[in-house]
C-alpha atoms as a PDB file:
ATOM      1  CA  MET A   1      -7.204 -28.192  19.263  1.00  0.00           C
ATOM      2  CA  PRO A   2      -8.319 -24.559  19.160  1.00  0.00           C
ATOM      3  CA  GLU A   3     -11.944 -23.827  19.701  1.00  0.00           C
ATOM      4  CA  LEU A   4     -14.304 -20.968  19.928  1.00  0.00           C
ATOM      5  CA  LEU A   5     -14.268 -19.691  23.567  1.00  0.00           C
ATOM      6  CA  PRO A   6     -16.367 -17.003  25.345  1.00  0.00           C
ATOM      7  CA  TYR A   7     -14.542 -13.871  26.389  1.00  0.00           C
ATOM      8  CA  LYS A   8     -16.501 -13.423  29.710  1.00  0.00           C
ATOM      9  CA  ASP A   9     -19.955 -13.695  30.999  1.00  0.00           C
ATOM     10  CA  ASP A  10     -20.631 -16.033  28.154  1.00  0.00           C
ATOM     11  CA  ARG A  11     -20.228 -13.412  25.710  1.00  0.00           C
ATOM     12  CA  TYR A  12     -18.286 -14.209  22.593  1.00  0.00           C
ATOM     13  CA  LEU A  13     -16.059 -11.911  20.676  1.00  0.00           C
ATOM     14  CA  TRP A  14     -16.300 -13.927  17.488  1.00  0.00           C
ATOM     15  CA  ASN A  15     -19.159 -15.515  15.771  1.00  0.00           C
ATOM     16  CA  TYR A  16     -16.913 -18.221  14.222  1.00  0.00           C
ATOM     17  CA  LEU A  17     -13.302 -19.621  14.933  1.00  0.00           C
ATOM     18  CA  PRO A  18     -10.862 -17.311  12.911  1.00  0.00           C
ATOM     19  CA  SER A  19      -9.342 -19.210  10.045  1.00  0.00           C
ATOM     20  CA  LEU A  20      -5.673 -19.935  10.504  1.00  0.00           C
ATOM     21  CA  PRO A  21      -4.958 -20.752   6.779  1.00  0.00           C
ATOM     22  CA  GLY A  22      -6.762 -17.692   5.656  1.00  0.00           C
ATOM     23  CA  ALA A  23      -5.061 -15.383   8.099  1.00  0.00           C
ATOM     24  CA  LEU A  24      -1.692 -16.712   7.377  1.00  0.00           C
ATOM     25  CA  VAL A  25      -2.085 -16.394   3.703  1.00  0.00           C
ATOM     26  CA  PHE A  26      -2.863 -12.620   3.970  1.00  0.00           C
ATOM     27  CA  VAL A  27      -0.143 -12.131   6.616  1.00  0.00           C
ATOM     28  CA  VAL A  28       2.333 -13.420   4.036  1.00  0.00           C
ATOM     29  CA  LEU A  29       0.749 -11.470   1.008  1.00  0.00           C
ATOM     30  CA  PHE A  30       0.491  -8.040   2.764  1.00  0.00           C
ATOM     31  CA  SER A  31       4.040  -8.550   4.146  1.00  0.00           C
ATOM     32  CA  LEU A  32       5.400  -9.091   0.741  1.00  0.00           C
ATOM     33  CA  VAL A  33       3.692  -6.079  -0.937  1.00  0.00           C
ATOM     34  CA  THR A  34       4.839  -3.993   2.236  1.00  0.00           C
ATOM     35  CA  ILE A  35       8.457  -5.006   1.354  1.00  0.00           C
ATOM     36  CA  ALA A  36       7.960  -4.186  -2.408  1.00  0.00           C
ATOM     37  CA  HIS A  37       6.452  -0.807  -1.803  1.00  0.00           C
ATOM     38  CA  THR A  38       8.891   0.052   0.798  1.00  0.00           C
ATOM     39  CA  TRP A  39      11.885  -0.869  -1.548  1.00  0.00           C
ATOM     40  CA  ARG A  40      10.297   1.267  -4.267  1.00  0.00           C
ATOM     41  CA  MET A  41       9.737   4.259  -2.101  1.00  0.00           C
ATOM     42  CA  ILE A  42      13.256   4.254  -0.784  1.00  0.00           C
ATOM     43  CA  ARG A  43      14.781   3.586  -4.144  1.00  0.00           C
ATOM     44  CA  HIS A  44      12.967   6.398  -5.965  1.00  0.00           C
ATOM     45  CA  ARG A  45      12.759   8.690  -2.902  1.00  0.00           C
ATOM     46  CA  VAL A  46       8.949   9.156  -3.187  1.00  0.00           C
ATOM     47  CA  TRP A  47       8.425   9.810   0.458  1.00  0.00           C
ATOM     48  CA  PHE A  48       4.615  10.604  -0.222  1.00  0.00           C
ATOM     49  CA  HIS A  49       4.124   6.917  -0.775  1.00  0.00           C
ATOM     50  CA  ALA A  50       4.775   6.388   3.015  1.00  0.00           C
ATOM     51  CA  PRO A  51       0.991   6.326   3.908  1.00  0.00           C
ATOM     52  CA  PHE A  52       0.691   3.640   1.323  1.00  0.00           C
ATOM     53  CA  VAL A  53       3.487   1.591   2.799  1.00  0.00           C
ATOM     54  CA  VAL A  54       1.888   2.179   6.321  1.00  0.00           C
ATOM     55  CA  GLY A  55      -1.414   0.873   4.973  1.00  0.00           C
ATOM     56  CA  CYS A  56       0.036  -2.341   3.731  1.00  0.00           C
ATOM     57  CA  LEU A  57       1.904  -2.840   6.962  1.00  0.00           C
ATOM     58  CA  VAL A  58      -1.238  -2.174   8.953  1.00  0.00           C
ATOM     59  CA  GLU A  59      -3.060  -4.882   6.958  1.00  0.00           C
ATOM     60  CA  ALA A  60      -0.324  -7.300   7.594  1.00  0.00           C
ATOM     61  CA  ILE A  61      -0.330  -6.533  11.398  1.00  0.00           C
ATOM     62  CA  GLY A  62      -4.237  -6.852  11.366  1.00  0.00           C
ATOM     63  CA  TYR A  63      -3.905 -10.466   9.987  1.00  0.00           C
ATOM     64  CA  VAL A  64      -1.277 -11.313  12.533  1.00  0.00           C
ATOM     65  CA  GLY A  65      -3.813 -10.468  15.183  1.00  0.00           C
ATOM     66  CA  TYR A  66      -6.311 -12.566  13.266  1.00  0.00           C
ATOM     67  CA  THR A  67      -3.835 -15.445  13.379  1.00  0.00           C
ATOM     68  CA  ILE A  68      -3.259 -15.144  17.151  1.00  0.00           C
ATOM     69  CA  ALA A  69      -7.114 -15.025  17.521  1.00  0.00           C
ATOM     70  CA  HIS A  70      -7.359 -18.468  16.099  1.00  0.00           C
ATOM     71  CA  TRP A  71      -5.648 -19.842  19.165  1.00  0.00           C
ATOM     72  CA  HIS A  72      -7.048 -17.218  21.702  1.00  0.00           C
ATOM     73  CA  SER A  73     -10.521 -16.400  20.557  1.00  0.00           C
ATOM     74  CA  ASN A  74     -11.348 -15.462  24.100  1.00  0.00           C
ATOM     75  CA  LYS A  75      -8.656 -12.736  24.280  1.00  0.00           C
ATOM     76  CA  LEU A  76      -9.423  -9.053  23.771  1.00  0.00           C
ATOM     77  CA  VAL A  77      -6.087  -7.750  22.380  1.00  0.00           C
ATOM     78  CA  PRO A  78      -5.856  -9.877  19.261  1.00  0.00           C
ATOM     79  CA  TYR A  79      -9.550  -9.127  18.652  1.00  0.00           C
ATOM     80  CA  ILE A  80      -8.904  -5.393  18.915  1.00  0.00           C
ATOM     81  CA  ILE A  81      -5.812  -5.469  16.837  1.00  0.00           C
ATOM     82  CA  GLN A  82      -7.478  -7.165  13.842  1.00  0.00           C
ATOM     83  CA  SER A  83     -10.625  -5.229  14.369  1.00  0.00           C
ATOM     84  CA  ILE A  84      -9.148  -1.825  14.301  1.00  0.00           C
ATOM     85  CA  PHE A  85      -6.032  -2.401  12.044  1.00  0.00           C
ATOM     86  CA  LEU A  86      -8.124  -4.130   9.186  1.00  0.00           C
ATOM     87  CA  LEU A  87     -10.670  -1.296   9.483  1.00  0.00           C
ATOM     88  CA  ILE A  88      -8.400   1.609   9.192  1.00  0.00           C
ATOM     89  CA  ALA A  89      -5.636   0.364   6.808  1.00  0.00           C
ATOM     90  CA  PRO A  90      -7.469   1.388   3.556  1.00  0.00           C
ATOM     91  CA  ALA A  91      -7.556   5.015   4.774  1.00  0.00           C
ATOM     92  CA  PHE A  92      -3.678   5.131   4.731  1.00  0.00           C
ATOM     93  CA  ILE A  93      -3.685   3.735   1.309  1.00  0.00           C
ATOM     94  CA  ALA A  94      -6.147   6.127   0.032  1.00  0.00           C
ATOM     95  CA  ALA A  95      -4.097   9.077   1.271  1.00  0.00           C
ATOM     96  CA  SER A  96      -1.241   8.333  -1.171  1.00  0.00           C
ATOM     97  CA  ILE A  97      -3.915   8.060  -4.132  1.00  0.00           C
ATOM     98  CA  TYR A  98      -5.089  11.578  -3.220  1.00  0.00           C
ATOM     99  CA  MET A  99      -1.655  12.900  -3.207  1.00  0.00           C
ATOM    100  CA  ILE A 100      -0.940  11.442  -6.602  1.00  0.00           C
ATOM    101  CA  LEU A 101      -3.861  13.403  -8.100  1.00  0.00           C
ATOM    102  CA  GLY A 102      -2.556  16.651  -6.585  1.00  0.00           C
ATOM    103  CA  ARG A 103       0.878  16.102  -8.025  1.00  0.00           C
ATOM    104  CA  LEU A 104      -0.459  15.093 -11.417  1.00  0.00           C
ATOM    105  CA  VAL A 105      -2.517  18.290 -11.673  1.00  0.00           C
ATOM    106  CA  THR A 106       0.499  20.536 -10.937  1.00  0.00           C
ATOM    107  CA  ARG A 107       2.859  18.588 -13.189  1.00  0.00           C
ATOM    108  CA  LEU A 108       0.697  19.034 -16.367  1.00  0.00           C
ATOM    109  CA  PRO A 109       0.662  22.131 -18.523  1.00  0.00           C
ATOM    110  CA  SER A 110      -2.286  24.212 -17.537  1.00  0.00           C
ATOM    111  CA  GLY A 111      -3.523  21.217 -15.431  1.00  0.00           C
ATOM    112  CA  HIS A 112      -4.659  23.700 -12.673  1.00  0.00           C
ATOM    113  CA  ARG A 113      -7.292  25.089 -15.235  1.00  0.00           C
ATOM    114  CA  CYS A 114      -9.086  21.784 -15.366  1.00  0.00           C
ATOM    115  CA  SER A 115      -9.394  20.989 -11.660  1.00  0.00           C
ATOM    116  CA  ILE A 116     -12.599  21.771  -9.744  1.00  0.00           C
ATOM    117  CA  VAL A 117     -10.460  22.184  -6.621  1.00  0.00           C
ATOM    118  CA  ARG A 118      -7.542  24.579  -6.429  1.00  0.00           C
ATOM    119  CA  PRO A 119      -4.317  22.701  -6.643  1.00  0.00           C
ATOM    120  CA  ALA A 120      -2.986  24.080  -3.419  1.00  0.00           C
ATOM    121  CA  TRP A 121      -5.982  22.578  -1.759  1.00  0.00           C
ATOM    122  CA  LEU A 122      -6.519  19.411  -3.678  1.00  0.00           C
ATOM    123  CA  THR A 123      -4.571  16.906  -1.650  1.00  0.00           C
ATOM    124  CA  LYS A 124      -5.156  18.689   1.754  1.00  0.00           C
ATOM    125  CA  LEU A 125      -9.033  18.646   1.267  1.00  0.00           C
ATOM    126  CA  PHE A 126      -9.052  14.802   0.514  1.00  0.00           C
ATOM    127  CA  VAL A 127      -6.570  13.812   3.083  1.00  0.00           C
ATOM    128  CA  LEU A 128      -8.530  15.798   5.731  1.00  0.00           C
ATOM    129  CA  GLY A 129     -11.637  13.737   4.869  1.00  0.00           C
ATOM    130  CA  ASP A 130      -9.357  10.604   5.003  1.00  0.00           C
ATOM    131  CA  VAL A 131      -7.926  11.498   8.432  1.00  0.00           C
ATOM    132  CA  LEU A 132     -11.489  12.238   9.867  1.00  0.00           C
ATOM    133  CA  SER A 133     -12.577   8.975   8.535  1.00  0.00           C
ATOM    134  CA  LEU A 134      -9.557   7.140  10.010  1.00  0.00           C
ATOM    135  CA  LEU A 135     -10.018   8.737  13.352  1.00  0.00           C
ATOM    136  CA  THR A 136     -13.739   8.075  13.600  1.00  0.00           C
ATOM    137  CA  GLN A 137     -13.348   4.431  12.510  1.00  0.00           C
ATOM    138  CA  ALA A 138     -10.486   3.794  15.025  1.00  0.00           C
ATOM    139  CA  PHE A 139     -12.455   5.482  17.966  1.00  0.00           C
ATOM    140  CA  GLY A 140     -15.581   3.401  16.929  1.00  0.00           C
ATOM    141  CA  GLY A 141     -13.464   0.119  16.853  1.00  0.00           C
ATOM    142  CA  GLY A 142     -12.278   0.828  20.321  1.00  0.00           C
ATOM    143  CA  MET A 143     -15.867   1.094  21.566  1.00  0.00           C
ATOM    144  CA  MET A 144     -17.094  -2.001  19.822  1.00  0.00           C
ATOM    145  CA  SER A 145     -15.113  -4.239  22.108  1.00  0.00           C
ATOM    146  CA  LYS A 146     -17.288  -3.112  25.017  1.00  0.00           C
ATOM    147  CA  LYS A 147     -20.591  -4.542  25.941  1.00  0.00           C
ATOM    148  CA  GLY A 148     -24.032  -2.875  26.248  1.00  0.00           C
ATOM    149  CA  SER A 149     -24.796   0.542  24.867  1.00  0.00           C
ATOM    150  CA  LYS A 150     -21.056   1.467  24.445  1.00  0.00           C
ATOM    151  CA  GLY A 151     -20.623  -1.456  21.951  1.00  0.00           C
ATOM    152  CA  LYS A 152     -23.768  -0.324  19.953  1.00  0.00           C
ATOM    153  CA  THR A 153     -22.477   3.251  19.980  1.00  0.00           C
ATOM    154  CA  GLY A 154     -19.141   2.107  18.694  1.00  0.00           C
ATOM    155  CA  GLN A 155     -20.873   0.370  15.713  1.00  0.00           C
ATOM    156  CA  THR A 156     -22.673   3.552  14.881  1.00  0.00           C
ATOM    157  CA  VAL A 157     -19.558   5.508  15.014  1.00  0.00           C
ATOM    158  CA  ILE A 158     -17.753   3.035  12.765  1.00  0.00           C
ATOM    159  CA  ILE A 159     -20.659   3.378  10.246  1.00  0.00           C
ATOM    160  CA  VAL A 160     -20.305   7.220  10.293  1.00  0.00           C
ATOM    161  CA  GLY A 161     -16.520   6.926   9.640  1.00  0.00           C
ATOM    162  CA  LEU A 162     -17.161   4.510   6.730  1.00  0.00           C
ATOM    163  CA  ALA A 163     -19.708   6.860   5.491  1.00  0.00           C
ATOM    164  CA  ILE A 164     -17.144   9.674   5.565  1.00  0.00           C
ATOM    165  CA  GLN A 165     -14.704   7.615   3.664  1.00  0.00           C
ATOM    166  CA  ILE A 166     -17.162   6.640   0.996  1.00  0.00           C
ATOM    167  CA  VAL A 167     -18.247  10.375   0.533  1.00  0.00           C
ATOM    168  CA  THR A 168     -14.629  11.586   0.318  1.00  0.00           C
ATOM    169  CA  PHE A 169     -13.805   8.857  -2.166  1.00  0.00           C
ATOM    170  CA  GLY A 170     -16.854   9.638  -4.223  1.00  0.00           C
ATOM    171  CA  PHE A 171     -15.940  13.392  -4.343  1.00  0.00           C
ATOM    172  CA  PHE A 172     -12.436  12.423  -5.079  1.00  0.00           C
ATOM    173  CA  LEU A 173     -13.484  10.197  -8.047  1.00  0.00           C
ATOM    174  CA  ALA A 174     -15.803  12.924  -9.460  1.00  0.00           C
ATOM    175  CA  SER A 175     -12.861  15.356  -9.232  1.00  0.00           C
ATOM    176  CA  ALA A 176     -10.601  13.002 -11.154  1.00  0.00           C
ATOM    177  CA  VAL A 177     -13.165  12.267 -13.762  1.00  0.00           C
ATOM    178  CA  VAL A 178     -13.887  15.883 -14.404  1.00  0.00           C
ATOM    179  CA  PHE A 179     -10.233  16.722 -14.598  1.00  0.00           C
ATOM    180  CA  HIS A 180      -9.702  13.701 -17.101  1.00  0.00           C
ATOM    181  CA  VAL A 181     -12.460  14.863 -19.429  1.00  0.00           C
ATOM    182  CA  ARG A 182     -11.501  18.576 -19.297  1.00  0.00           C
ATOM    183  CA  TYR A 183      -7.776  17.874 -19.710  1.00  0.00           C
ATOM    184  CA  ALA A 184      -8.311  15.519 -22.688  1.00  0.00           C
ATOM    185  CA  ARG A 185     -10.153  18.254 -24.459  1.00  0.00           C
ATOM    186  CA  LEU A 186      -7.530  20.858 -23.533  1.00  0.00           C
ATOM    187  CA  ALA A 187      -4.664  18.498 -24.679  1.00  0.00           C
ATOM    188  CA  ALA A 188      -6.289  17.741 -28.009  1.00  0.00           C
ATOM    189  CA  ALA A 189      -6.762  21.457 -28.776  1.00  0.00           C
ATOM    190  CA  GLY A 190      -3.191  22.176 -27.768  1.00  0.00           C
ATOM    191  CA  ALA A 191      -1.854  19.338 -30.012  1.00  0.00           C
ATOM    192  CA  ARG A 192      -3.781  20.601 -32.972  1.00  0.00           C
ATOM    193  CA  GLY A 193      -2.744  24.271 -32.374  1.00  0.00           C
ATOM    194  CA  ARG A 194       0.993  23.608 -32.111  1.00  0.00           C
ATOM    195  CA  LYS A 195       1.592  20.434 -33.990  1.00  0.00           C
ATOM    196  CA  ARG A 196       3.630  19.147 -30.915  1.00  0.00           C
ATOM    197  CA  PRO A 197       3.847  15.574 -29.565  1.00  0.00           C
ATOM    198  CA  ASP A 198       1.204  14.736 -27.138  1.00  0.00           C
ATOM    199  CA  VAL A 199       1.838  15.718 -23.464  1.00  0.00           C
ATOM    200  CA  ALA A 200       1.366  11.905 -22.678  1.00  0.00           C
ATOM    201  CA  SER A 201       4.689  11.200 -24.215  1.00  0.00           C
ATOM    202  CA  VAL A 202       6.208  13.037 -21.172  1.00  0.00           C
ATOM    203  CA  VAL A 203       3.698  12.534 -18.368  1.00  0.00           C
ATOM    204  CA  PRO A 204       1.469   9.361 -18.972  1.00  0.00           C
ATOM    205  CA  TRP A 205      -1.367  11.238 -17.250  1.00  0.00           C
ATOM    206  CA  GLN A 206      -4.286   9.042 -18.618  1.00  0.00           C
ATOM    207  CA  LYS A 207      -2.384   5.880 -17.348  1.00  0.00           C
ATOM    208  CA  ILE A 208      -2.048   7.322 -13.925  1.00  0.00           C
ATOM    209  CA  LEU A 209      -5.732   8.363 -13.859  1.00  0.00           C
ATOM    210  CA  TRP A 210      -6.825   4.926 -14.946  1.00  0.00           C
ATOM    211  CA  MET A 211      -4.667   3.430 -12.221  1.00  0.00           C
ATOM    212  CA  MET A 212      -6.431   5.718  -9.618  1.00  0.00           C
ATOM    213  CA  TYR A 213      -9.838   4.770 -10.944  1.00  0.00           C
ATOM    214  CA  THR A 214      -8.984   0.958 -10.610  1.00  0.00           C
ATOM    215  CA  VAL A 215      -7.398   1.187  -7.255  1.00  0.00           C
ATOM    216  CA  SER A 216     -10.103   3.511  -5.944  1.00  0.00           C
ATOM    217  CA  ALA A 217     -12.893   1.269  -7.246  1.00  0.00           C
ATOM    218  CA  PHE A 218     -11.387  -1.715  -5.141  1.00  0.00           C
ATOM    219  CA  ILE A 219     -11.223   0.428  -2.034  1.00  0.00           C
ATOM    220  CA  MET A 220     -14.640   1.898  -2.548  1.00  0.00           C
ATOM    221  CA  ALA A 221     -16.219  -1.600  -2.994  1.00  0.00           C
ATOM    222  CA  ARG A 222     -14.472  -2.693   0.199  1.00  0.00           C
ATOM    223  CA  SER A 223     -15.830   0.397   2.190  1.00  0.00           C
ATOM    224  CA  ILE A 224     -19.290  -0.256   0.982  1.00  0.00           C
ATOM    225  CA  PHE A 225     -19.091  -4.062   2.081  1.00  0.00           C
ATOM    226  CA  ARG A 226     -17.852  -2.926   5.465  1.00  0.00           C
ATOM    227  CA  THR A 227     -20.570  -0.437   5.839  1.00  0.00           C
ATOM    228  CA  VAL A 228     -23.170  -3.090   5.117  1.00  0.00           C
ATOM    229  CA  GLU A 229     -21.401  -5.373   7.524  1.00  0.00           C
ATOM    230  CA  TYR A 230     -21.762  -2.981  10.386  1.00  0.00           C
ATOM    231  CA  ILE A 231     -25.172  -1.928   9.492  1.00  0.00           C
ATOM    232  CA  GLN A 232     -26.241  -5.638   9.686  1.00  0.00           C
ATOM    233  CA  GLY A 233     -24.665  -5.888  13.129  1.00  0.00           C
ATOM    234  CA  LYS A 234     -23.389  -8.973  14.916  1.00  0.00           C
ATOM    235  CA  GLU A 235     -26.332 -11.172  14.008  1.00  0.00           C
ATOM    236  CA  GLY A 236     -26.042 -10.217  10.396  1.00  0.00           C
ATOM    237  CA  TYR A 237     -24.996 -12.671   7.586  1.00  0.00           C
ATOM    238  CA  ILE A 238     -21.574 -11.121   6.897  1.00  0.00           C
ATOM    239  CA  LEU A 239     -20.298 -11.196  10.492  1.00  0.00           C
ATOM    240  CA  ASN A 240     -21.296 -14.878  10.649  1.00  0.00           C
ATOM    241  CA  HIS A 241     -19.519 -15.989   7.510  1.00  0.00           C
ATOM    242  CA  GLN A 242     -15.725 -15.173   7.430  1.00  0.00           C
ATOM    243  CA  TRP A 243     -15.390 -16.091   3.818  1.00  0.00           C
ATOM    244  CA  MET A 244     -16.945 -12.786   3.014  1.00  0.00           C
ATOM    245  CA  LEU A 245     -14.231 -10.992   4.959  1.00  0.00           C
ATOM    246  CA  PHE A 246     -11.442 -12.647   3.016  1.00  0.00           C
ATOM    247  CA  VAL A 247     -13.183 -12.050  -0.435  1.00  0.00           C
ATOM    248  CA  PHE A 248     -14.641  -8.595  -0.069  1.00  0.00           C
ATOM    249  CA  ASP A 249     -11.987  -6.990   2.224  1.00  0.00           C
ATOM    250  CA  SER A 250      -8.811  -9.056   2.226  1.00  0.00           C
ATOM    251  CA  THR A 251      -8.714  -9.811  -1.541  1.00  0.00           C
ATOM    252  CA  LEU A 252      -9.946  -6.488  -2.704  1.00  0.00           C
ATOM    253  CA  MET A 253      -7.325  -4.627  -0.645  1.00  0.00           C
ATOM    254  CA  PHE A 254      -4.540  -6.942  -1.873  1.00  0.00           C
ATOM    255  CA  CYS A 255      -5.604  -6.581  -5.393  1.00  0.00           C
ATOM    256  CA  ALA A 256      -5.560  -2.783  -4.944  1.00  0.00           C
ATOM    257  CA  THR A 257      -1.929  -2.727  -3.577  1.00  0.00           C
ATOM    258  CA  VAL A 258      -0.732  -5.032  -6.398  1.00  0.00           C
ATOM    259  CA  LEU A 259      -2.416  -2.947  -9.200  1.00  0.00           C
ATOM    260  CA  PHE A 260      -0.945   0.287  -7.697  1.00  0.00           C
ATOM    261  CA  TYR A 261       2.559  -1.396  -8.012  1.00  0.00           C
ATOM    262  CA  VAL A 262       1.922  -2.644 -11.506  1.00  0.00           C
ATOM    263  CA  MET A 263       0.017   0.304 -13.153  1.00  0.00           C
ATOM    264  CA  TYR A 264       1.913   3.058 -11.609  1.00  0.00           C
ATOM    265  CA  HIS A 265       5.738   3.953 -11.529  1.00  0.00           C
ATOM    266  CA  PRO A 266       7.307   6.857  -9.527  1.00  0.00           C
ATOM    267  CA  ASP A 267       8.985   8.128 -12.721  1.00  0.00           C
ATOM    268  CA  ASP A 268       5.509   8.698 -14.269  1.00  0.00           C
ATOM    269  CA  LEU A 269       5.423  11.844 -12.175  1.00  0.00           C
ATOM    270  CA  ALA A 270       9.094  12.813 -12.305  1.00  0.00           C
ATOM    271  CA  CYS A 271       8.775  15.529 -14.925  1.00  0.00           C
ATOM    272  CA  ILE A 272       6.978  18.939 -14.643  1.00  0.00           C
ATOM    273  CA  VAL A 273       5.897  20.065 -18.073  1.00  0.00           C
ATOM    274  CA  PRO A 274       5.813  23.901 -18.442  1.00  0.00           C
ATOM    275  CA  ASP A 275       2.583  25.479 -19.487  1.00  0.00           C
ATOM    276  CA  ASP A 276       3.959  26.653 -22.840  1.00  0.00           C
ATOM    277  CA  SER A 277       5.530  23.359 -23.852  1.00  0.00           C
ATOM    278  CA  PHE A 278       2.665  21.706 -25.579  1.00  0.00           C
ATOM    279  CA  ILE A 279      -0.403  24.109 -25.205  1.00  0.00           C
ATOM    280  CA  GLU A 280      -0.501  27.435 -26.636  1.00  0.00           C
ATOM    281  CA  ALA A 281      -2.365  30.096 -24.857  1.00  0.00           C
ATOM    282  CA  GLY A 282      -4.631  30.769 -27.822  1.00  0.00           C
ATOM    283  CA  THR A 283      -5.862  27.190 -27.896  1.00  0.00           C
ATOM    284  CA  MET A 284      -7.267  27.451 -24.453  1.00  0.00           C
ATOM    285  CA  SER A 285     -10.319  29.606 -25.373  1.00  0.00           C
ATOM    286  CA  SER A 286     -12.244  26.672 -26.875  1.00  0.00           C
ATOM    287  CA  VAL A 287     -12.108  24.581 -23.967  1.00  0.00           C
ATOM    288  CA  GLU A 288     -11.388  26.778 -21.005  1.00  0.00           C
ATOM    289  CA  MET A 289     -14.214  27.325 -18.519  1.00  0.00           C
ATOM    290  CA  SER A 290     -14.365  30.478 -16.187  1.00  0.00           C
ATOM    291  CA  PRO A 291     -12.502  30.075 -12.895  1.00  0.00           C
ATOM    292  CA  SER A 292     -15.707  30.526 -10.959  1.00  0.00           C
ATOM    293  CA  SER A 293     -17.259  27.436 -12.779  1.00  0.00           C
ATOM    294  CA  MET A 294     -14.175  25.251 -12.501  1.00  0.00           C
ATOM    295  CA  GLU A 295     -13.025  25.732  -9.005  1.00  0.00           C
ATOM    296  CA  ILE A 296     -14.347  25.225  -5.602  1.00  0.00           C
ATOM    297  CA  ALA A 297     -13.690  28.396  -3.595  1.00  0.00           C
ATOM    298  CA  MET A 298     -11.032  27.814  -0.962  1.00  0.00           C
ATOM    299  CA  PRO A 299      -9.495  30.423   1.357  1.00  0.00           C
ATOM    300  CA  ARG A 300      -6.105  31.604   0.120  1.00  0.00           C
ATOM    301  CA  LYS A 301      -3.171  31.536   2.321  1.00  0.00           C
END
């Protein structure tokens, strides 16, 4: 019967024996969502969903490592696999969310006027923060397996990586909310001015934004949980109670992947609405803000 075993020098990698049923459940669940999102990506040729698919796959692999660790709690490889893969998977998922906002802004008539970041830099800025967060967490995760000062340094590096992820997500959500408020004003003014159908009949922009808010909230909550986990350290409550991992990481991330599939369809962003289709230039004056107050200055190519 499996039991918790020391790695070496009486040092334990785990504070508990990894749960086999819990690990297997999430191997199956994340494998299923990986298949579902892969099928949709290929069928609709939405290749920018690739990071999302990779994130789902990385989650599944992480729980495979967790499953192996149930029988080999003294082995370093399965510990590192589950530790790093479960840590970095949300960064891949977040990347696709950032890309969707960039595409939404460019597909809506006069959408660029309502963004606080220039459309050309919108996706790049957030993905850059995401990649920086991912690399920092991966580097810290590799150091965590070592004993002594290197292990503690790795813990600090992970906290920094998670903090970068939270700040990036916070700025992303703020950008999305500002865009939402400004574009709602703009669309309403345009509809009154031209007596045309609402732009949402062509691009369901509010539905897409609410999907982003919902999925982002799950990822943000998970990132905050992980930050608290690493701040508490190995002797903290979270790392000594694995139910918290399954509830506040595994379940939250699975819900995020399902909600993305249910609330958003690739066809939602299939159309590009010309600037003059719904919103007349004259209606812009009542809601338009000066470029300097609406956009973050970015270097032009």
